[in-house]
Protein backbone atom coordinates (compact mmCIF):
# COMPACT_ATOMS: atom_id res chain seq x y z
CA MET A 1 0.00 0.00 0.00
CA THR A 2 1.51 3.33 -1.07
CA ASN A 3 1.45 6.41 1.10
CA LYS A 4 -0.61 9.24 -0.29
CA GLU A 5 0.95 12.65 -0.70
CA PRO A 6 -0.70 15.22 1.58
CA PRO A 7 -2.87 17.86 -0.11
CA ASN A 8 -0.94 20.83 -1.41
CA TYR A 9 -2.37 23.23 1.19
CA GLN A 10 -1.33 20.80 3.96
CA ARG A 11 2.27 20.84 2.75
CA ILE A 12 2.39 24.61 3.28
CA VAL A 13 0.68 24.32 6.67
CA ASP A 14 3.03 21.56 7.87
CA ASP A 15 6.11 23.50 6.78
CA LEU A 16 5.15 26.80 8.39
CA ARG A 17 3.77 25.15 11.54
CA SER A 18 7.00 23.21 12.04
CA ARG A 19 9.10 26.35 11.63
CA ILE A 20 6.90 28.30 14.06
CA LEU A 21 6.83 25.61 16.75
CA SER A 22 10.58 25.07 16.50
CA GLY A 23 11.20 28.77 17.06
CA GLU A 24 12.76 29.31 13.64
CA LEU A 25 9.94 31.77 12.98
CA ALA A 26 9.69 33.70 16.24
CA PRO A 27 6.68 35.66 17.56
CA GLY A 28 6.28 38.86 15.57
CA HIS A 29 8.09 37.45 12.52
CA LYS A 30 6.42 38.49 9.27
CA LEU A 31 5.54 35.60 6.98
CA PRO A 32 6.21 35.67 3.25
CA THR A 33 3.43 37.33 1.28
CA GLU A 34 0.80 35.23 -0.46
CA LYS A 35 2.50 35.96 -3.77
CA GLU A 36 5.89 34.88 -2.40
CA LEU A 37 4.41 31.64 -1.03
CA GLN A 38 2.69 31.01 -4.34
CA GLN A 39 5.99 31.45 -6.19
CA ARG A 40 7.92 29.28 -3.74
CA TRP A 41 5.51 26.37 -3.76
CA GLY A 42 4.10 26.71 -7.26
CA PHE A 43 0.55 26.47 -5.95
CA SER A 44 -2.50 28.59 -6.73
CA THR A 45 -3.59 31.63 -4.69
CA THR A 46 -6.61 29.66 -3.47
CA ILE A 47 -4.40 26.92 -1.98
CA VAL A 48 -2.09 29.45 -0.31
CA LYS A 49 -5.03 31.37 1.19
CA HIS A 50 -6.54 28.14 2.52
CA ALA A 51 -3.23 27.20 4.18
CA LEU A 52 -2.96 30.59 5.87
CA THR A 53 -6.57 30.36 7.06
CA LEU A 54 -5.80 27.03 8.74
CA LEU A 55 -2.74 28.47 10.47
CA ARG A 56 -4.83 31.37 11.75
CA SER A 57 -7.49 28.94 13.02
CA GLU A 58 -4.73 27.13 14.97
CA GLY A 59 -3.73 30.42 16.59
CA LEU A 60 -0.22 30.27 15.11
CA ILE A 61 -0.41 33.39 12.94
CA GLU A 62 -2.43 36.57 12.84
CA GLY A 63 -3.35 38.85 9.98
CA ARG A 64 -2.73 42.57 10.30
CA ARG A 65 -4.81 44.69 7.98
CA GLY A 66 -2.72 46.18 5.19
CA SER A 67 0.48 44.64 6.55
CA GLY A 68 0.37 40.86 6.09
CA ASN A 69 0.56 37.78 8.31
CA TYR A 70 2.73 37.50 11.43
CA VAL A 71 3.64 34.75 13.88
CA ARG A 72 1.49 35.17 16.97
CA ASP A 73 2.86 35.46 20.48
CA ARG A 74 1.43 32.30 22.05
CA THR A 75 2.44 33.13 25.63
CA GLN A 76 -0.64 32.30 27.69
CA LEU A 77 -1.70 33.98 30.90
CA VAL A 78 -2.45 31.51 33.68
CA ARG A 79 -5.60 32.20 35.68
CA ARG A 80 -5.47 30.36 39.00
CA ALA A 81 -8.90 29.90 40.54
CA HIS A 82 -8.37 28.83 44.12
CA SER A 83 -10.26 28.77 47.38
CA ARG A 84 -7.45 29.38 49.85
CA ASP A 85 -4.97 32.20 50.55
CA MET A 86 -7.14 34.62 48.60
CA ARG A 87 -7.21 37.37 51.21
CA LYS A 88 -3.48 37.52 51.74
CA ARG A 89 -2.81 37.60 47.99
CA LEU A 90 -5.39 40.21 46.97
CA GLY A 91 -6.15 43.79 47.93
CA SER A 92 -3.07 45.74 46.81
CA THR A 93 -3.35 44.49 43.24
CA SER A 94 -5.97 42.88 41.04
CA PRO A 95 -6.03 39.17 40.17
CA PHE A 96 -5.56 40.09 36.51
CA ALA A 97 -2.47 42.18 37.30
CA ARG A 98 -1.01 39.23 39.22
CA ASP A 99 -1.66 36.85 36.30
CA SER A 100 -0.13 39.27 33.77
CA GLU A 101 2.98 40.00 35.80
CA ALA A 102 3.55 36.28 36.38
CA ALA A 103 3.62 35.86 32.58
CA GLY A 104 6.02 38.77 32.18
CA ARG A 105 3.36 41.02 30.66
CA GLN A 106 2.46 44.60 31.60
CA PRO A 107 -1.17 44.76 32.82
CA SER A 108 -3.65 47.55 32.23
CA TRP A 109 -7.42 47.80 31.99
CA GLU A 110 -10.30 50.00 30.99
CA SER A 111 -13.51 50.19 33.01
CA GLU A 112 -16.83 51.97 33.06
CA SER A 113 -19.33 51.75 35.94
CA LYS A 114 -22.94 52.83 36.07
CA LYS A 115 -26.06 52.08 38.10
CA ILE A 116 -28.71 50.11 36.25
CA PRO A 117 -31.85 48.11 37.10
CA ALA A 118 -31.12 44.39 37.28
CA THR A 119 -32.35 42.36 34.35
CA PRO A 120 -34.30 39.17 35.22
CA HIS A 121 -31.21 37.08 34.39
CA VAL A 122 -28.85 39.11 36.59
CA ALA A 123 -31.46 39.32 39.34
CA GLY A 124 -31.80 35.54 39.33
CA ARG A 125 -28.07 35.09 39.77
CA LEU A 126 -27.89 37.64 42.60
CA GLY A 127 -31.06 36.50 44.34
CA ILE A 128 -32.70 39.94 44.08
CA ARG A 129 -35.79 41.25 42.35
CA PRO A 130 -35.73 42.29 38.68
CA GLY A 131 -35.41 46.07 38.58
CA ASP A 132 -33.44 46.33 41.83
CA SER A 133 -30.44 48.64 41.47
CA VAL A 134 -27.05 47.11 40.70
CA MET A 135 -23.66 48.54 39.84
CA HIS A 136 -22.70 47.36 36.37
CA THR A 137 -18.99 47.62 35.53
CA LYS A 138 -17.66 46.77 32.08
CA TYR A 139 -13.97 45.86 31.86
CA ARG A 140 -11.51 45.34 29.05
CA TYR A 141 -8.18 43.97 30.24
CA LEU A 142 -4.93 44.32 28.30
CA ALA A 143 -1.49 42.70 28.55
CA ASP A 144 1.31 44.69 26.93
CA GLY A 145 -1.43 46.72 25.28
CA ASP A 146 -3.14 43.68 23.72
CA PRO A 147 -6.77 43.04 24.73
CA ILE A 148 -6.94 39.69 26.47
CA GLN A 149 -10.07 39.56 28.65
CA LEU A 150 -13.55 41.09 28.93
CA ALA A 151 -15.81 41.16 31.97
CA ASP A 152 -19.24 42.45 32.94
CA SER A 153 -19.60 42.67 36.73
CA TYR A 154 -22.83 43.25 38.67
CA GLU A 155 -23.06 44.12 42.37
CA PRO A 156 -26.31 44.74 44.28
CA LEU A 157 -26.37 48.31 45.57
CA ALA A 158 -28.21 47.00 48.62
CA VAL A 159 -24.75 45.71 49.62
CA THR A 160 -22.33 48.39 48.40
CA GLY A 161 -24.52 51.47 47.89
CA GLY A 162 -23.33 54.54 49.81
CA THR A 163 -20.02 52.94 50.84
CA GLN A 164 -16.48 53.83 49.80
CA VAL A 165 -16.40 50.80 47.50
CA GLU A 166 -19.67 51.55 45.68
CA TYR A 167 -17.71 52.27 42.48
CA PRO A 168 -15.32 49.31 42.08
CA GLU A 169 -12.41 51.25 40.56
CA GLN A 170 -12.61 54.35 42.77
CA GLY A 171 -12.30 52.93 46.28
CA PRO A 172 -9.34 52.40 48.62
CA VAL A 173 -8.83 48.70 47.73
CA ILE A 174 -9.00 46.58 44.59
CA GLY A 175 -10.74 43.28 43.92
CA VAL A 176 -14.12 41.95 44.96
CA VAL A 177 -12.94 40.05 48.06
CA ALA A 178 -10.84 42.94 49.42
CA ARG A 179 -13.57 45.49 48.72
CA MET A 180 -16.23 43.44 50.48
CA ASP A 181 -13.89 42.86 53.44
CA PHE A 182 -13.44 46.63 53.65
CA ILE A 183 -17.17 47.12 54.30
CA GLY A 184 -17.47 44.10 56.61
CA VAL A 185 -18.96 41.64 54.14
CA ALA A 186 -16.99 38.39 54.41
CA ILE A 187 -17.01 36.42 51.16
CA ASP A 188 -16.61 32.72 51.88
CA ARG A 189 -16.98 31.05 48.48
CA PHE A 190 -17.47 31.53 44.77
CA VAL A 191 -19.03 29.44 42.05
CA GLU A 192 -17.80 29.34 38.45
CA GLU A 193 -19.51 27.80 35.43
CA VAL A 194 -17.14 27.42 32.47
CA THR A 195 -18.23 26.97 28.85
CA THR A 196 -16.77 27.53 25.39
CA ARG A 197 -18.57 29.12 22.47
CA PRO A 198 -17.92 31.09 19.27
CA ALA A 199 -17.05 34.73 19.91
CA MET A 200 -19.85 37.22 19.41
CA PRO A 201 -19.28 40.09 16.94
CA GLU A 202 -18.77 42.68 19.69
CA GLU A 203 -16.25 40.37 21.40
CA ILE A 204 -14.32 39.90 18.16
CA THR A 205 -14.06 43.69 17.93
CA ALA A 206 -13.19 44.33 21.61
CA LEU A 207 -10.62 41.51 21.76
CA GLU A 208 -9.27 42.29 18.28
CA LEU A 209 -9.75 38.72 17.13
CA ASP A 210 -9.27 37.71 13.53
CA PRO A 211 -12.85 37.21 12.25
CA ARG A 212 -11.58 34.92 9.49
CA SER A 213 -10.39 32.34 11.99
CA GLY A 214 -13.76 31.47 13.53
CA ARG A 215 -12.49 32.31 17.00
CA TRP A 216 -13.80 30.52 20.09
CA VAL A 217 -13.81 32.00 23.57
CA ILE A 218 -13.88 30.66 27.10
CA ALA A 219 -16.90 32.07 28.96
CA ILE A 220 -17.08 32.00 32.75
CA GLU A 221 -20.14 32.86 34.81
CA ARG A 222 -18.82 33.61 38.32
CA THR A 223 -20.71 34.50 41.48
CA TYR A 224 -19.27 35.45 44.89
CA TYR A 225 -21.20 34.64 48.09
CA ALA A 226 -21.09 35.82 51.68
CA GLY A 227 -22.98 33.04 53.42
CA PRO A 228 -26.19 32.53 51.45
CA THR A 229 -26.08 36.02 49.91
CA ALA A 230 -24.70 36.62 46.42
CA VAL A 231 -22.68 39.85 46.51
CA GLU A 232 -21.28 39.94 42.96
CA THR A 233 -21.76 38.10 39.70
CA ALA A 234 -19.78 38.47 36.53
CA ASP A 235 -19.58 37.27 32.94
CA ILE A 236 -15.91 36.84 31.98
CA VAL A 237 -14.68 36.13 28.45
CA PHE A 238 -11.19 35.01 27.38
CA PRO A 239 -9.87 34.22 23.90
CA GLY A 240 -9.49 30.46 23.96
CA ASP A 241 -5.83 30.50 22.94
CA ARG A 242 -4.59 33.29 25.22
CA TYR A 243 -5.46 31.88 28.64
CA ARG A 244 -4.90 28.70 30.60
CA LEU A 245 -7.29 28.05 33.50
CA VAL A 246 -5.89 26.27 36.56
CA TYR A 247 -8.17 25.04 39.34
CA GLU A 248 -6.79 23.98 42.72
CA MET A 249 -9.31 22.12 44.88
CA PRO A 250 -8.82 20.96 48.48
CA ILE A 251 -9.48 17.29 49.27
CA ASP A 252 -10.87 16.13 52.63
CA PRO A 253 -8.03 14.76 54.80
CA TRP A 254 -7.52 11.02 55.20
CA PRO A 255 -8.36 9.31 57.43
CA PRO A 256 -11.64 11.12 58.10
CA SER A 257 -11.97 12.75 61.51
CA LYS A 258 -14.07 10.98 64.11
CA GLU A 259 -16.50 13.88 64.09
CA ALA A 260 -17.11 13.29 60.37
CA GLU A 261 -17.81 9.59 61.04
CA THR A 262 -20.34 10.30 63.79
CA PRO A 263 -23.92 9.79 62.48
């Protein structure tokens, strides 16, 4: 049985992918133009375009309007979701800043806060009535100037209204846990639901994704609780190839304590 030659487009993909992954073509390196690739390989423009589309879909290259195709920086930020040591690690800086600095990237963010009536969906997540006042804060996070995360945060004004932390970015401390501690609301847990989905048009624009690549995003629905009361809920969106999520979960000690065995 003879081995089949790979399709012509695959030969281009395999060659460029190998050179990118080996480091021969470093992040930021400009690829040959479509015409140059066509001349080198002797293939049609259609085949070359298809190969470049596949490389973009793999997150290996990015197109820059009017400039060409470049090797993407594939350094991922690591987001560590944990349930211990949160208070001693947060407060002076944001979780995003910590993640960015750990990856050697310079963090920055844009935010806009305003009071709005809670939609039925947000009200359901916060355990309040539709129409109750919440503080809605929209965030766009950047690492080295590149947009890397979006978030929509909602906090019931019945909890934060009239306090120094009412506006999340204008108070004396940063981060949901530290801000709630500041007003005497002790968060003791959070719940995250993680899904993946295609990016919406507004997310493609805000995150500067390549619309030709059919980008997918990681979507997290997170809610913080103080006892039975939800004090913040947020919709967080990451480009699927720019973040790595790490979850650290405690396990009950072994052997179980005698108190745990008592019926």
